[in-house]
């Protein structure tokens, strides 16, 4: 796992500004969790010709792994992370619903699928967000300050990105070890056939 390319989030429903917010948060968090160089394609006019739906076919709510893999090969990435944002409600109670897919560039297959719905109207999400914010700050916040931060779209996006990056990194590592086991088994079968 040398380089991982993170594509700009795809969504028909979410504004470009909110997609940029998710993208920046996710790239930052992936750099914290993955032992690889994390590359980012920004959401701008220059990359739109490569990452727009005119170039990448969308099957359901997943970008075509063949086309995503080819994009990764252009920058020598071993994996590409594609994100589809179903919903991003930036105002309280906030909600982000997304799908994250990791594509192996060599195999041109998706090897990790993560679906998540983070809804701040659910108590366990608010408690997890509060713990996340308290853990990330140098000093503890009082209830009023924390209440203000809990309503921030940037903080909520950062929380969701941290959860996705942590889970994605764990799943990717287990997927890579499975890939090595399959390759070793294939190699043993090839040696037995000789």
Protein backbone atom coordinates (compact mmCIF):
# COMPACT_ATOMS: atom_id res chain seq x y z
CA UNK A 1 0.00 0.00 0.00
CA UNK A 2 2.16 2.83 -1.31
CA UNK A 3 -0.22 5.49 -2.59
CA UNK A 4 -3.94 5.93 -2.20
CA UNK A 5 -5.93 8.30 -4.37
CA UNK A 6 -9.05 9.88 -2.88
CA UNK A 7 -11.55 11.01 -5.49
CA UNK A 8 -13.85 13.95 -4.86
CA UNK A 9 -17.17 12.80 -3.38
CA UNK A 10 -19.88 12.12 -5.92
CA UNK A 11 -23.43 13.23 -5.25
CA UNK A 12 -26.47 14.38 -7.15
CA UNK A 13 -28.09 15.86 -4.03
CA UNK A 14 -25.24 17.59 -2.15
CA UNK A 15 -23.80 21.00 -3.07
CA UNK A 16 -20.18 21.32 -4.24
CA UNK A 17 -19.30 23.33 -1.10
CA UNK A 18 -20.47 20.57 1.24
CA UNK A 19 -18.76 17.91 -0.89
CA UNK A 20 -15.50 19.90 -0.61
CA UNK A 21 -15.94 20.00 3.16
CA UNK A 22 -16.33 16.22 3.33
CA UNK A 23 -13.47 15.67 0.88
CA UNK A 24 -10.97 17.80 2.82
CA UNK A 25 -11.97 16.23 6.13
CA UNK A 26 -11.73 12.70 4.75
CA UNK A 27 -8.32 13.24 3.14
CA UNK A 28 -6.97 14.72 6.38
CA UNK A 29 -8.28 11.84 8.48
CA UNK A 30 -7.07 9.18 6.03
CA UNK A 31 -3.58 10.66 6.32
CA UNK A 32 -3.84 10.11 10.08
CA UNK A 33 -4.92 6.47 9.82
CA UNK A 34 -3.23 4.99 6.74
CA UNK A 35 0.47 4.12 6.45
CA UNK A 36 0.53 5.35 2.86
CA UNK A 37 0.84 8.49 0.82
CA UNK A 38 -2.72 9.80 0.45
CA UNK A 39 -3.23 11.73 -2.76
CA UNK A 40 -6.22 13.94 -3.36
CA UNK A 41 -8.02 15.01 -6.48
CA UNK A 42 -9.64 18.31 -5.63
CA UNK A 43 -13.12 19.30 -6.70
CA UNK A 44 -12.34 21.89 -9.35
CA UNK A 45 -12.59 22.57 -13.04
CA UNK A 46 -9.29 20.80 -13.81
CA UNK A 47 -10.25 17.44 -12.34
CA UNK A 48 -13.89 17.57 -13.40
CA UNK A 49 -13.03 16.19 -16.84
CA UNK A 50 -11.57 13.10 -15.13
CA UNK A 51 -13.90 12.64 -12.19
CA UNK A 52 -17.23 13.88 -13.53
CA UNK A 53 -20.07 11.56 -14.41
CA UNK A 54 -19.35 12.26 -18.07
CA UNK A 55 -16.13 10.26 -17.63
CA UNK A 56 -16.90 7.84 -14.80
CA UNK A 57 -19.93 5.65 -15.11
CA UNK A 58 -22.11 5.40 -12.02
CA UNK A 59 -23.76 2.05 -11.38
CA UNK A 60 -26.46 2.57 -8.77
CA UNK A 61 -24.61 4.71 -6.26
CA UNK A 62 -21.14 3.26 -6.91
CA UNK A 63 -18.60 4.57 -9.39
CA UNK A 64 -17.49 1.94 -11.92
CA UNK A 65 -14.44 0.18 -10.39
CA UNK A 66 -12.77 -0.30 -13.79
CA UNK A 67 -12.80 3.42 -14.51
CA UNK A 68 -11.89 4.36 -10.93
CA UNK A 69 -8.98 1.89 -11.06
CA UNK A 70 -7.73 3.35 -14.31
CA UNK A 71 -7.71 6.81 -12.71
CA UNK A 72 -5.61 5.38 -9.89
CA UNK A 73 -3.14 3.86 -12.33
CA UNK A 74 -2.55 7.31 -13.87
CA UNK A 75 -0.98 8.47 -10.58
CA UNK A 76 0.59 5.11 -9.62
CA UNK A 77 -1.87 4.57 -6.78
CA UNK A 78 -2.31 1.09 -5.39
CA UNK A 79 -5.86 1.90 -4.25
CA UNK A 80 -8.53 4.49 -4.96
CA UNK A 81 -11.16 5.63 -2.51
CA UNK A 82 -14.44 6.72 -4.04
CA UNK A 83 -17.17 8.33 -1.94
CA UNK A 84 -20.84 8.69 -2.77
CA UNK A 85 -22.70 11.13 -0.51
CA UNK A 86 -26.41 10.34 -0.31
CA UNK A 87 -27.27 13.19 2.04
CA UNK A 88 -25.58 15.98 3.95
CA UNK A 89 -27.84 18.05 6.18
CA UNK A 90 -25.50 20.74 7.59
CA UNK A 91 -28.02 22.32 9.95
CA UNK A 92 -29.04 20.78 13.31
CA UNK A 93 -29.81 18.00 13.67
CA UNK A 94 -27.07 17.25 11.17
CA UNK A 95 -26.97 14.14 9.09
CA UNK A 96 -24.48 12.62 6.67
CA UNK A 97 -25.27 9.46 4.75
CA UNK A 98 -22.53 8.07 2.54
CA UNK A 99 -20.92 5.06 0.92
CA UNK A 100 -17.15 4.68 0.78
CA UNK A 101 -15.61 2.18 -1.64
CA UNK A 102 -11.94 1.19 -1.87
CA UNK A 103 -10.86 -0.06 -5.29
CA UNK A 104 -7.73 -2.16 -5.77
CA UNK A 105 -6.04 -0.69 -8.86
CA UNK A 106 -4.27 -3.94 -9.77
CA UNK A 107 -7.43 -6.07 -9.56
CA UNK A 108 -9.83 -3.34 -10.76
CA UNK A 109 -12.23 -4.52 -8.06
CA UNK A 110 -13.72 -2.90 -5.03
CA UNK A 111 -12.34 -4.60 -1.94
CA UNK A 112 -13.96 -2.53 0.83
CA UNK A 113 -17.50 -1.17 1.07
CA UNK A 114 -18.54 1.05 3.95
CA UNK A 115 -22.04 2.45 4.29
CA UNK A 116 -22.71 4.93 7.05
CA UNK A 117 -25.52 7.08 8.30
CA UNK A 118 -24.51 9.59 10.95
CA UNK A 119 -27.61 11.30 12.29
CA UNK A 120 -27.19 13.83 15.10
CA UNK A 121 -30.80 13.33 16.13
CA UNK A 122 -29.67 9.96 17.55
CA UNK A 123 -28.24 10.14 21.06
CA UNK A 124 -25.39 7.70 20.46
CA UNK A 125 -24.15 9.81 17.53
CA UNK A 126 -24.19 12.99 19.63
CA UNK A 127 -22.32 11.23 22.45
CA UNK A 128 -19.73 9.85 20.02
CA UNK A 129 -19.35 13.30 18.43
CA UNK A 130 -18.92 14.88 21.86
CA UNK A 131 -16.24 12.32 22.79
CA UNK A 132 -14.53 12.89 19.43
CA UNK A 133 -14.46 16.67 19.91
CA UNK A 134 -13.24 16.42 23.51
CA UNK A 135 -10.48 13.97 22.51
CA UNK A 136 -9.27 16.17 19.65
CA UNK A 137 -8.94 19.37 21.67
CA UNK A 138 -6.07 20.38 23.93
CA UNK A 139 -8.46 21.50 26.63
CA UNK A 140 -11.88 20.32 27.71
CA UNK A 141 -14.87 22.43 26.75
CA UNK A 142 -17.75 23.49 28.93
CA UNK A 143 -21.25 22.39 27.96
CA UNK A 144 -22.16 25.66 26.22
CA UNK A 145 -19.02 25.75 24.04
CA UNK A 146 -19.40 22.09 23.24
CA UNK A 147 -23.04 22.67 22.26
CA UNK A 148 -21.94 25.31 19.75
CA UNK A 149 -19.27 23.01 18.31
CA UNK A 150 -21.76 20.16 18.01
CA UNK A 151 -23.72 22.32 15.57
CA UNK A 152 -20.77 23.06 13.30
CA UNK A 153 -20.94 21.42 9.83
CA UNK A 154 -17.13 21.37 9.70
CA UNK A 155 -16.83 19.61 13.07
CA UNK A 156 -19.58 17.14 12.14
CA UNK A 157 -17.92 16.40 8.81
CA UNK A 158 -14.59 15.92 10.59
CA UNK A 159 -16.20 13.47 13.02
CA UNK A 160 -17.80 11.46 10.20
CA UNK A 161 -14.54 11.47 8.25
CA UNK A 162 -12.58 10.27 11.28
CA UNK A 163 -15.00 7.38 11.81
CA UNK A 164 -14.89 6.44 8.12
CA UNK A 165 -11.08 6.70 7.97
CA UNK A 166 -10.61 4.59 11.09
CA UNK A 167 -13.01 1.89 9.91
CA UNK A 168 -11.77 2.06 6.31
CA UNK A 169 -8.14 1.69 7.37
CA UNK A 170 -8.98 -1.35 9.50
CA UNK A 171 -11.00 -2.95 6.68
CA UNK A 172 -8.33 -2.16 4.09
CA UNK A 173 -5.62 -3.76 6.21
CA UNK A 174 -7.70 -6.91 6.65
CA UNK A 175 -8.49 -6.88 2.90
CA UNK A 176 -4.80 -6.64 2.05
CA UNK A 177 -3.94 -9.55 4.32
CA UNK A 178 -6.70 -11.59 2.68
CA UNK A 179 -5.31 -10.67 -0.75
CA UNK A 180 -1.85 -11.89 0.35
CA UNK A 181 -3.32 -15.16 1.64
CA UNK A 182 -5.16 -15.76 -1.64
CA UNK A 183 -2.02 -14.96 -3.66
CA UNK A 184 0.01 -17.36 -1.50
CA UNK A 185 -2.61 -20.09 -1.95
CA UNK A 186 -2.65 -19.52 -5.71
CA UNK A 187 1.13 -19.72 -5.77
CA UNK A 188 1.09 -23.01 -3.81
CA UNK A 189 -1.49 -24.47 -6.21
CA UNK A 190 0.68 -23.43 -9.14
CA UNK A 191 3.71 -25.14 -7.60
CA UNK A 192 1.75 -28.30 -6.89
CA UNK A 193 0.58 -28.45 -10.52
CA UNK A 194 4.20 -28.34 -11.77
